[in-house]
Amino acid sequence: MQAGWTRRPGLVDGRRRAGTSLRHRGPLPPADAGRAVPVFAYLVARPVIRRVLKTVSRSPEPGVVAATVTVLLLLSAAGTHALGLEAILGTFVAGILIGTYPLREEQLAPLRTCAMSVLAPIFFATAGLRIDLTALARPPVALAAVAVILLAIIAKTLGAYLGARLCHLGHWHGLALGAGLNARGVVEIVVAMVGLNLGVISGDMYTVIVLMALITSLTAPPALRFAVRRMPPQRPRAAAAVLAGRQTRA
């Protein structure tokens, strides 16, 4: 996973066309840069971000917080890009750090509106333009797609179901958890796009991964509704008595 964030798309393509080996152009070797990012994020960026957000959250204007969060995300992306890592890694780490500070919903409303109404459709349209559905006409690609989709569904559903049963939840509760966790979305597509840009995966594999993300996301809601409808009605008093008994034994 770490190697996937440590090569720039332009550098990969240029080196491939030139027929030379890939070399890192950042100030640190890829492995050292990958280790330095979480350490720097926890020791330096985390307190700085919390202090900045604490200051700007006092403003009555929600746009101030949204603009500050945008600047923090861009600075983090620029920082990881300067280290020779993928810029999206910086935004991912910054998003985690920003999420640790309790901002109000209305303060992030302008940024959420812009992201969901403008940026997200552009991203998904760009991801969709890179899909080659004609590749599924080839039997090896079609079989790989079926295998990946089945493996993804079985692994998530079975893991969630077994975890639920180990926690003494019912059969339909376990299936509902599996259906809810089965949905893949933007994370898989982002990783697939990065892998395609770096040349780590082929165009056919990119198509298979995006198809898997779409199918699991589309099938999750009806499967979840199917399982929830069959859950036995809960009894609040009985559940409270069971919980109280467990706390007493603890």
C-alpha atoms as a PDB file:
ATOM      1  CA  MET A   1       0.000   0.000   0.000  1.00  0.00           C
ATOM      2  CA  GLN A   2       2.744   2.439   0.917  1.00  0.00           C
ATOM      3  CA  ALA A   3       4.488   2.008  -2.432  1.00  0.00           C
ATOM      4  CA  GLY A   4       1.274   3.022  -4.172  1.00  0.00           C
ATOM      5  CA  TRP A   5       1.404   6.495  -2.611  1.00  0.00           C
ATOM      6  CA  THR A   6       5.085   7.130  -3.292  1.00  0.00           C
ATOM      7  CA  ARG A   7       5.328   7.522  -7.052  1.00  0.00           C
ATOM      8  CA  ARG A   8       4.054  10.412  -9.057  1.00  0.00           C
ATOM      9  CA  PRO A   9       2.045   9.662 -12.217  1.00  0.00           C
ATOM     10  CA  GLY A  10       4.105  12.001 -14.418  1.00  0.00           C
ATOM     11  CA  LEU A  11       7.336  10.529 -13.140  1.00  0.00           C
ATOM     12  CA  VAL A  12       6.122   6.989 -13.813  1.00  0.00           C
ATOM     13  CA  ASP A  13       4.961   7.766 -17.335  1.00  0.00           C
ATOM     14  CA  GLY A  14       8.087   9.751 -18.187  1.00  0.00           C
ATOM     15  CA  ARG A  15      10.421   7.060 -16.924  1.00  0.00           C
ATOM     16  CA  ARG A  16       8.511   4.395 -18.806  1.00  0.00           C
ATOM     17  CA  ARG A  17       8.710   6.284 -22.079  1.00  0.00           C
ATOM     18  CA  ALA A  18      12.392   6.927 -21.552  1.00  0.00           C
ATOM     19  CA  GLY A  19      13.000   3.273 -20.771  1.00  0.00           C
ATOM     20  CA  THR A  20      14.845   4.047 -17.552  1.00  0.00           C
ATOM     21  CA  SER A  21      14.288   2.861 -14.012  1.00  0.00           C
ATOM     22  CA  LEU A  22      12.008   4.676 -11.600  1.00  0.00           C
ATOM     23  CA  ARG A  23      13.742   7.029  -9.194  1.00  0.00           C
ATOM     24  CA  HIS A  24      12.382   9.060  -6.373  1.00  0.00           C
ATOM     25  CA  ARG A  25      12.783  12.842  -6.610  1.00  0.00           C
ATOM     26  CA  GLY A  26      11.603  13.840  -3.154  1.00  0.00           C
ATOM     27  CA  PRO A  27      13.853  15.064  -0.347  1.00  0.00           C
ATOM     28  CA  LEU A  28      13.466  11.719   1.447  1.00  0.00           C
ATOM     29  CA  PRO A  29      13.437   8.115   0.283  1.00  0.00           C
ATOM     30  CA  PRO A  30       9.878   6.798  -0.205  1.00  0.00           C
ATOM     31  CA  ALA A  31       9.981   4.536   2.853  1.00  0.00           C
ATOM     32  CA  ASP A  32      11.289   7.319   5.104  1.00  0.00           C
ATOM     33  CA  ALA A  33       8.723   9.786   3.745  1.00  0.00           C
ATOM     34  CA  GLY A  34       5.929   7.282   4.343  1.00  0.00           C
ATOM     35  CA  ARG A  35       6.999   6.884   7.958  1.00  0.00           C
ATOM     36  CA  ALA A  36       7.539  10.597   8.486  1.00  0.00           C
ATOM     37  CA  VAL A  37       4.025  11.610   7.429  1.00  0.00           C
ATOM     38  CA  PRO A  38       2.084   9.948  10.303  1.00  0.00           C
ATOM     39  CA  VAL A  39       4.700  11.021  12.857  1.00  0.00           C
ATOM     40  CA  PHE A  40       4.589  14.633  11.670  1.00  0.00           C
ATOM     41  CA  ALA A  41       0.796  14.534  11.483  1.00  0.00           C
ATOM     42  CA  TYR A  42       0.426  13.368  15.081  1.00  0.00           C
ATOM     43  CA  LEU A  43       3.158  15.426  16.720  1.00  0.00           C
ATOM     44  CA  VAL A  44       3.005  18.671  14.742  1.00  0.00           C
ATOM     45  CA  ALA A  45       0.006  18.921  12.431  1.00  0.00           C
ATOM     46  CA  ARG A  46      -2.575  17.655  14.897  1.00  0.00           C
ATOM     47  CA  PRO A  47      -2.067  20.336  17.601  1.00  0.00           C
ATOM     48  CA  VAL A  48      -1.661  23.050  14.969  1.00  0.00           C
ATOM     49  CA  ILE A  49      -4.876  22.087  13.195  1.00  0.00           C
ATOM     50  CA  ARG A  50      -6.802  21.908  16.445  1.00  0.00           C
ATOM     51  CA  ARG A  51      -5.557  25.340  17.476  1.00  0.00           C
ATOM     52  CA  VAL A  52      -6.437  26.839  14.080  1.00  0.00           C
ATOM     53  CA  LEU A  53      -9.901  25.289  14.079  1.00  0.00           C
ATOM     54  CA  LYS A  54     -10.508  26.419  17.645  1.00  0.00           C
ATOM     55  CA  THR A  55      -9.721  29.986  16.613  1.00  0.00           C
ATOM     56  CA  VAL A  56     -11.770  30.118  13.419  1.00  0.00           C
ATOM     57  CA  SER A  57     -14.737  28.224  14.903  1.00  0.00           C
ATOM     58  CA  ARG A  58     -15.483  31.290  17.053  1.00  0.00           C
ATOM     59  CA  SER A  59     -16.465  33.207  13.934  1.00  0.00           C
ATOM     60  CA  PRO A  60     -20.229  33.516  13.396  1.00  0.00           C
ATOM     61  CA  GLU A  61     -19.729  33.113   9.636  1.00  0.00           C
ATOM     62  CA  PRO A  62     -19.703  29.448   8.534  1.00  0.00           C
ATOM     63  CA  GLY A  63     -17.722  30.346   5.440  1.00  0.00           C
ATOM     64  CA  VAL A  64     -14.639  31.092   7.548  1.00  0.00           C
ATOM     65  CA  VAL A  65     -14.435  27.532   8.832  1.00  0.00           C
ATOM     66  CA  ALA A  66     -15.111  26.061   5.389  1.00  0.00           C
ATOM     67  CA  ALA A  67     -12.386  28.203   3.817  1.00  0.00           C
ATOM     68  CA  THR A  68      -9.921  27.291   6.570  1.00  0.00           C
ATOM     69  CA  VAL A  69     -10.598  23.570   6.157  1.00  0.00           C
ATOM     70  CA  THR A  70     -10.078  23.896   2.399  1.00  0.00           C
ATOM     71  CA  VAL A  71      -6.742  25.634   2.912  1.00  0.00           C
ATOM     72  CA  LEU A  72      -5.628  22.961   5.396  1.00  0.00           C
ATOM     73  CA  LEU A  73      -6.501  20.206   2.928  1.00  0.00           C
ATOM     74  CA  LEU A  74      -4.626  21.912   0.102  1.00  0.00           C
ATOM     75  CA  LEU A  75      -1.566  22.531   2.268  1.00  0.00           C
ATOM     76  CA  SER A  76      -1.502  18.895   3.343  1.00  0.00           C
ATOM     77  CA  ALA A  77      -1.817  17.749  -0.257  1.00  0.00           C
ATOM     78  CA  ALA A  78       1.020  20.050  -1.291  1.00  0.00           C
ATOM     79  CA  GLY A  79       3.176  18.772   1.575  1.00  0.00           C
ATOM     80  CA  THR A  80       2.879  15.097   0.674  1.00  0.00           C
ATOM     81  CA  HIS A  81       3.318  15.922  -3.006  1.00  0.00           C
ATOM     82  CA  ALA A  82       6.542  17.764  -2.190  1.00  0.00           C
ATOM     83  CA  LEU A  83       7.765  14.637  -0.405  1.00  0.00           C
ATOM     84  CA  GLY A  84       7.188  12.606  -3.542  1.00  0.00           C
ATOM     85  CA  LEU A  85       4.035  10.971  -2.175  1.00  0.00           C
ATOM     86  CA  GLU A  86       0.561  11.098  -3.638  1.00  0.00           C
ATOM     87  CA  ALA A  87      -1.232  14.386  -2.937  1.00  0.00           C
ATOM     88  CA  ILE A  88      -4.388  12.520  -2.005  1.00  0.00           C
ATOM     89  CA  LEU A  89      -2.554  10.980   0.941  1.00  0.00           C
ATOM     90  CA  GLY A  90      -2.108  14.453   2.408  1.00  0.00           C
ATOM     91  CA  THR A  91      -5.788  15.288   2.090  1.00  0.00           C
ATOM     92  CA  PHE A  92      -6.685  11.925   3.625  1.00  0.00           C
ATOM     93  CA  VAL A  93      -4.470  12.515   6.667  1.00  0.00           C
ATOM     94  CA  ALA A  94      -5.681  16.091   7.023  1.00  0.00           C
ATOM     95  CA  GLY A  95      -9.288  14.914   6.870  1.00  0.00           C
ATOM     96  CA  ILE A  96      -8.657  12.521   9.741  1.00  0.00           C
ATOM     97  CA  LEU A  97      -7.041  15.254  11.825  1.00  0.00           C
ATOM     98  CA  ILE A  98      -9.809  17.751  11.071  1.00  0.00           C
ATOM     99  CA  GLY A  99     -12.389  15.130  12.027  1.00  0.00           C
ATOM    100  CA  THR A 100     -10.926  14.909  15.531  1.00  0.00           C
ATOM    101  CA  TYR A 101     -12.076  18.468  16.264  1.00  0.00           C
ATOM    102  CA  PRO A 102     -15.802  18.837  17.081  1.00  0.00           C
ATOM    103  CA  LEU A 103     -17.030  21.260  14.443  1.00  0.00           C
ATOM    104  CA  ARG A 104     -20.717  22.050  14.119  1.00  0.00           C
ATOM    105  CA  GLU A 105     -22.664  20.794  11.134  1.00  0.00           C
ATOM    106  CA  GLU A 106     -23.575  24.272   9.927  1.00  0.00           C
ATOM    107  CA  GLN A 107     -19.921  25.322   9.899  1.00  0.00           C
ATOM    108  CA  LEU A 108     -19.061  22.693   7.294  1.00  0.00           C
ATOM    109  CA  ALA A 109     -22.306  23.045   5.358  1.00  0.00           C
ATOM    110  CA  PRO A 110     -20.864  25.310   2.601  1.00  0.00           C
ATOM    111  CA  LEU A 111     -17.925  22.972   2.014  1.00  0.00           C
ATOM    112  CA  ARG A 112     -20.170  19.895   2.046  1.00  0.00           C
ATOM    113  CA  THR A 113     -22.542  21.498  -0.453  1.00  0.00           C
ATOM    114  CA  CYS A 114     -19.705  22.342  -2.813  1.00  0.00           C
ATOM    115  CA  ALA A 115     -18.138  18.903  -2.490  1.00  0.00           C
ATOM    116  CA  MET A 116     -21.352  16.945  -3.002  1.00  0.00           C
ATOM    117  CA  SER A 117     -22.824  19.196  -5.718  1.00  0.00           C
ATOM    118  CA  VAL A 118     -19.728  20.016  -7.770  1.00  0.00           C
ATOM    119  CA  LEU A 119     -16.582  18.103  -6.867  1.00  0.00           C
ATOM    120  CA  ALA A 120     -18.092  14.644  -6.333  1.00  0.00           C
ATOM    121  CA  PRO A 121     -19.945  14.529  -9.681  1.00  0.00           C
ATOM    122  CA  ILE A 122     -16.812  15.672 -11.497  1.00  0.00           C
ATOM    123  CA  PHE A 123     -14.745  13.015  -9.763  1.00  0.00           C
ATOM    124  CA  PHE A 124     -17.173  10.192 -10.527  1.00  0.00           C
ATOM    125  CA  ALA A 125     -17.554  11.362 -14.119  1.00  0.00           C
ATOM    126  CA  THR A 126     -13.777  11.349 -14.519  1.00  0.00           C
ATOM    127  CA  ALA A 127     -13.585   7.882 -12.990  1.00  0.00           C
ATOM    128  CA  GLY A 128     -16.334   6.628 -15.284  1.00  0.00           C
ATOM    129  CA  LEU A 129     -14.630   7.933 -18.412  1.00  0.00           C
ATOM    130  CA  ARG A 130     -11.691   5.623 -17.739  1.00  0.00           C
ATOM    131  CA  ILE A 131     -13.828   2.485 -17.632  1.00  0.00           C
ATOM    132  CA  ASP A 132     -13.668   0.215 -20.669  1.00  0.00           C
ATOM    133  CA  LEU A 133     -16.733  -2.024 -20.512  1.00  0.00           C
ATOM    134  CA  THR A 134     -15.775  -3.664 -23.794  1.00  0.00           C
ATOM    135  CA  ALA A 135     -13.009  -5.420 -21.875  1.00  0.00           C
ATOM    136  CA  LEU A 136     -15.689  -7.539 -20.194  1.00  0.00           C
ATOM    137  CA  ALA A 137     -16.346  -9.179 -23.551  1.00  0.00           C
ATOM    138  CA  ARG A 138     -13.084 -11.066 -23.116  1.00  0.00           C
ATOM    139  CA  PRO A 139     -13.617 -14.244 -21.042  1.00  0.00           C
ATOM    140  CA  PRO A 140     -10.544 -13.804 -18.771  1.00  0.00           C
ATOM    141  CA  VAL A 141     -11.608 -10.280 -17.795  1.00  0.00           C
ATOM    142  CA  ALA A 142     -15.234 -11.330 -17.295  1.00  0.00           C
ATOM    143  CA  LEU A 143     -14.216 -14.256 -15.092  1.00  0.00           C
ATOM    144  CA  ALA A 144     -11.895 -12.003 -13.090  1.00  0.00           C
ATOM    145  CA  ALA A 145     -14.746  -9.527 -12.586  1.00  0.00           C
ATOM    146  CA  VAL A 146     -17.112 -12.235 -11.347  1.00  0.00           C
ATOM    147  CA  ALA A 147     -14.450 -13.631  -9.018  1.00  0.00           C
ATOM    148  CA  VAL A 148     -13.558 -10.230  -7.572  1.00  0.00           C
ATOM    149  CA  ILE A 149     -17.195  -9.249  -7.014  1.00  0.00           C
ATOM    150  CA  LEU A 150     -18.096 -12.568  -5.363  1.00  0.00           C
ATOM    151  CA  LEU A 151     -14.987 -12.515  -3.195  1.00  0.00           C
ATOM    152  CA  ALA A 152     -15.668  -8.938  -2.112  1.00  0.00           C
ATOM    153  CA  ILE A 153     -19.285  -9.675  -1.189  1.00  0.00           C
ATOM    154  CA  ILE A 154     -18.564 -12.952   0.609  1.00  0.00           C
ATOM    155  CA  ALA A 155     -15.578 -11.605   2.547  1.00  0.00           C
ATOM    156  CA  LYS A 156     -17.365  -8.528   3.909  1.00  0.00           C
ATOM    157  CA  THR A 157     -20.695 -10.236   4.571  1.00  0.00           C
ATOM    158  CA  LEU A 158     -19.211 -13.331   6.179  1.00  0.00           C
ATOM    159  CA  GLY A 159     -16.789 -11.333   8.336  1.00  0.00           C
ATOM    160  CA  ALA A 160     -19.520  -9.022   9.617  1.00  0.00           C
ATOM    161  CA  TYR A 161     -21.908 -11.923  10.174  1.00  0.00           C
ATOM    162  CA  LEU A 162     -19.400 -13.941  12.183  1.00  0.00           C
ATOM    163  CA  GLY A 163     -18.486 -10.887  14.241  1.00  0.00           C
ATOM    164  CA  ALA A 164     -22.139 -10.225  14.975  1.00  0.00           C
ATOM    165  CA  ARG A 165     -22.751 -13.818  16.021  1.00  0.00           C
ATOM    166  CA  LEU A 166     -19.730 -13.756  18.297  1.00  0.00           C
ATOM    167  CA  CYS A 167     -21.260 -10.687  19.963  1.00  0.00           C
ATOM    168  CA  HIS A 168     -24.471 -12.667  20.548  1.00  0.00           C
ATOM    169  CA  LEU A 169     -26.492 -10.819  17.922  1.00  0.00           C
ATOM    170  CA  GLY A 170     -29.221 -12.545  15.958  1.00  0.00           C
ATOM    171  CA  HIS A 171     -29.064 -14.097  12.517  1.00  0.00           C
ATOM    172  CA  TRP A 172     -30.763 -11.222  10.737  1.00  0.00           C
ATOM    173  CA  HIS A 173     -28.776  -8.643  12.703  1.00  0.00           C
ATOM    174  CA  GLY A 174     -25.597 -10.252  11.402  1.00  0.00           C
ATOM    175  CA  LEU A 175     -26.863 -10.239   7.829  1.00  0.00           C
ATOM    176  CA  ALA A 176     -27.896  -6.602   8.172  1.00  0.00           C
ATOM    177  CA  LEU A 177     -24.422  -5.644   9.373  1.00  0.00           C
ATOM    178  CA  GLY A 178     -22.884  -7.584   6.514  1.00  0.00           C
ATOM    179  CA  ALA A 179     -25.129  -5.876   3.984  1.00  0.00           C
ATOM    180  CA  GLY A 180     -24.350  -2.446   5.394  1.00  0.00           C
ATOM    181  CA  LEU A 181     -20.603  -3.003   5.434  1.00  0.00           C
ATOM    182  CA  ASN A 182     -20.617  -4.583   1.999  1.00  0.00           C
ATOM    183  CA  ALA A 183     -21.075  -1.268   0.215  1.00  0.00           C
ATOM    184  CA  ARG A 184     -17.886   0.013  -1.352  1.00  0.00           C
ATOM    185  CA  GLY A 185     -17.672   3.478  -2.744  1.00  0.00           C
ATOM    186  CA  VAL A 186     -15.326   6.342  -3.228  1.00  0.00           C
ATOM    187  CA  VAL A 187     -12.366   4.838  -1.354  1.00  0.00           C
ATOM    188  CA  GLU A 188     -11.985   1.899  -3.740  1.00  0.00           C
ATOM    189  CA  ILE A 189     -12.414   4.155  -6.761  1.00  0.00           C
ATOM    190  CA  VAL A 190      -9.811   6.611  -5.457  1.00  0.00           C
ATOM    191  CA  VAL A 191      -7.307   3.821  -4.841  1.00  0.00           C
ATOM    192  CA  ALA A 192      -8.048   2.341  -8.267  1.00  0.00           C
ATOM    193  CA  MET A 193      -7.492   5.705  -9.960  1.00  0.00           C
ATOM    194  CA  VAL A 194      -4.179   6.174  -8.167  1.00  0.00           C
ATOM    195  CA  GLY A 195      -3.110   2.666  -9.124  1.00  0.00           C
ATOM    196  CA  LEU A 196      -4.083   3.267 -12.743  1.00  0.00           C
ATOM    197  CA  ASN A 197      -2.187   6.556 -12.881  1.00  0.00           C
ATOM    198  CA  LEU A 198       0.905   4.902 -11.428  1.00  0.00           C
ATOM    199  CA  GLY A 199       0.686   1.925 -13.738  1.00  0.00           C
ATOM    200  CA  VAL A 200       0.271  -0.456 -10.799  1.00  0.00           C
ATOM    201  CA  ILE A 201      -2.939  -1.886 -12.254  1.00  0.00           C
ATOM    202  CA  SER A 202      -4.056  -2.231 -15.852  1.00  0.00           C
ATOM    203  CA  GLY A 203      -7.075  -0.648 -17.471  1.00  0.00           C
ATOM    204  CA  ASP A 204      -8.910  -3.974 -17.350  1.00  0.00           C
ATOM    205  CA  MET A 205      -8.293  -4.349 -13.612  1.00  0.00           C
ATOM    206  CA  TYR A 206      -9.410  -0.763 -13.075  1.00  0.00           C
ATOM    207  CA  THR A 207     -12.678  -1.568 -14.817  1.00  0.00           C
ATOM    208  CA  VAL A 208     -13.152  -4.643 -12.622  1.00  0.00           C
ATOM    209  CA  ILE A 209     -12.498  -2.708  -9.383  1.00  0.00           C
ATOM    210  CA  VAL A 210     -14.845   0.151 -10.271  1.00  0.00           C
ATOM    211  CA  LEU A 211     -17.508  -2.341 -11.352  1.00  0.00           C
ATOM    212  CA  MET A 212     -17.128  -4.125  -8.019  1.00  0.00           C
ATOM    213  CA  ALA A 213     -17.534  -0.834  -6.129  1.00  0.00           C
ATOM    214  CA  LEU A 214     -20.659   0.074  -8.094  1.00  0.00           C
ATOM    215  CA  ILE A 215     -22.347  -3.316  -7.770  1.00  0.00           C
ATOM    216  CA  THR A 216     -21.710  -3.639  -4.042  1.00  0.00           C
ATOM    217  CA  SER A 217     -22.926  -0.082  -3.447  1.00  0.00           C
ATOM    218  CA  LEU A 218     -26.119  -0.657  -5.451  1.00  0.00           C
ATOM    219  CA  THR A 219     -26.950  -4.015  -3.873  1.00  0.00           C
ATOM    220  CA  ALA A 220     -26.322  -2.935  -0.275  1.00  0.00           C
ATOM    221  CA  PRO A 221     -29.541  -0.878   0.293  1.00  0.00           C
ATOM    222  CA  PRO A 222     -32.031  -3.566  -0.854  1.00  0.00           C
ATOM    223  CA  ALA A 223     -30.112  -6.270   0.994  1.00  0.00           C
ATOM    224  CA  LEU A 224     -30.089  -4.144   4.137  1.00  0.00           C
ATOM    225  CA  ARG A 225     -33.826  -3.473   3.897  1.00  0.00           C
ATOM    226  CA  PHE A 226     -34.470  -7.187   3.342  1.00  0.00           C
ATOM    227  CA  ALA A 227     -32.564  -8.113   6.506  1.00  0.00           C
ATOM    228  CA  VAL A 228     -33.973  -5.304   8.669  1.00  0.00           C
ATOM    229  CA  ARG A 229     -37.558  -6.233   7.836  1.00  0.00           C
ATOM    230  CA  ARG A 230     -36.949  -9.726   9.182  1.00  0.00           C
ATOM    231  CA  MET A 231     -35.368  -8.665  12.446  1.00  0.00           C
ATOM    232  CA  PRO A 232     -37.382  -9.663  15.501  1.00  0.00           C
ATOM    233  CA  PRO A 233     -38.961  -6.710  17.327  1.00  0.00           C
ATOM    234  CA  GLN A 234     -36.774  -5.502  20.125  1.00  0.00           C
ATOM    235  CA  ARG A 235     -38.033  -5.223  23.666  1.00  0.00           C
ATOM    236  CA  PRO A 236     -36.513  -2.128  25.337  1.00  0.00           C
ATOM    237  CA  ARG A 237     -37.029  -3.367  28.893  1.00  0.00           C
ATOM    238  CA  ALA A 238     -35.573  -6.784  28.213  1.00  0.00           C
ATOM    239  CA  ALA A 239     -32.598  -5.263  26.417  1.00  0.00           C
ATOM    240  CA  ALA A 240     -32.002  -2.873  29.324  1.00  0.00           C
ATOM    241  CA  ALA A 241     -32.185  -5.747  31.800  1.00  0.00           C
ATOM    242  CA  VAL A 242     -29.656  -7.757  29.834  1.00  0.00           C
ATOM    243  CA  LEU A 243     -27.315  -4.764  29.604  1.00  0.00           C
ATOM    244  CA  ALA A 244     -27.665  -4.070  33.323  1.00  0.00           C
ATOM    245  CA  GLY A 245     -26.878  -7.686  34.106  1.00  0.00           C
ATOM    246  CA  ARG A 246     -23.743  -7.585  31.998  1.00  0.00           C
ATOM    247  CA  GLN A 247     -22.568  -4.390  33.664  1.00  0.00           C
ATOM    248  CA  THR A 248     -23.190  -5.932  37.090  1.00  0.00           C
ATOM    249  CA  ARG A 249     -21.114  -9.017  36.247  1.00  0.00           C
ATOM    250  CA  ALA A 250     -18.327  -6.761  34.894  1.00  0.00           C
END
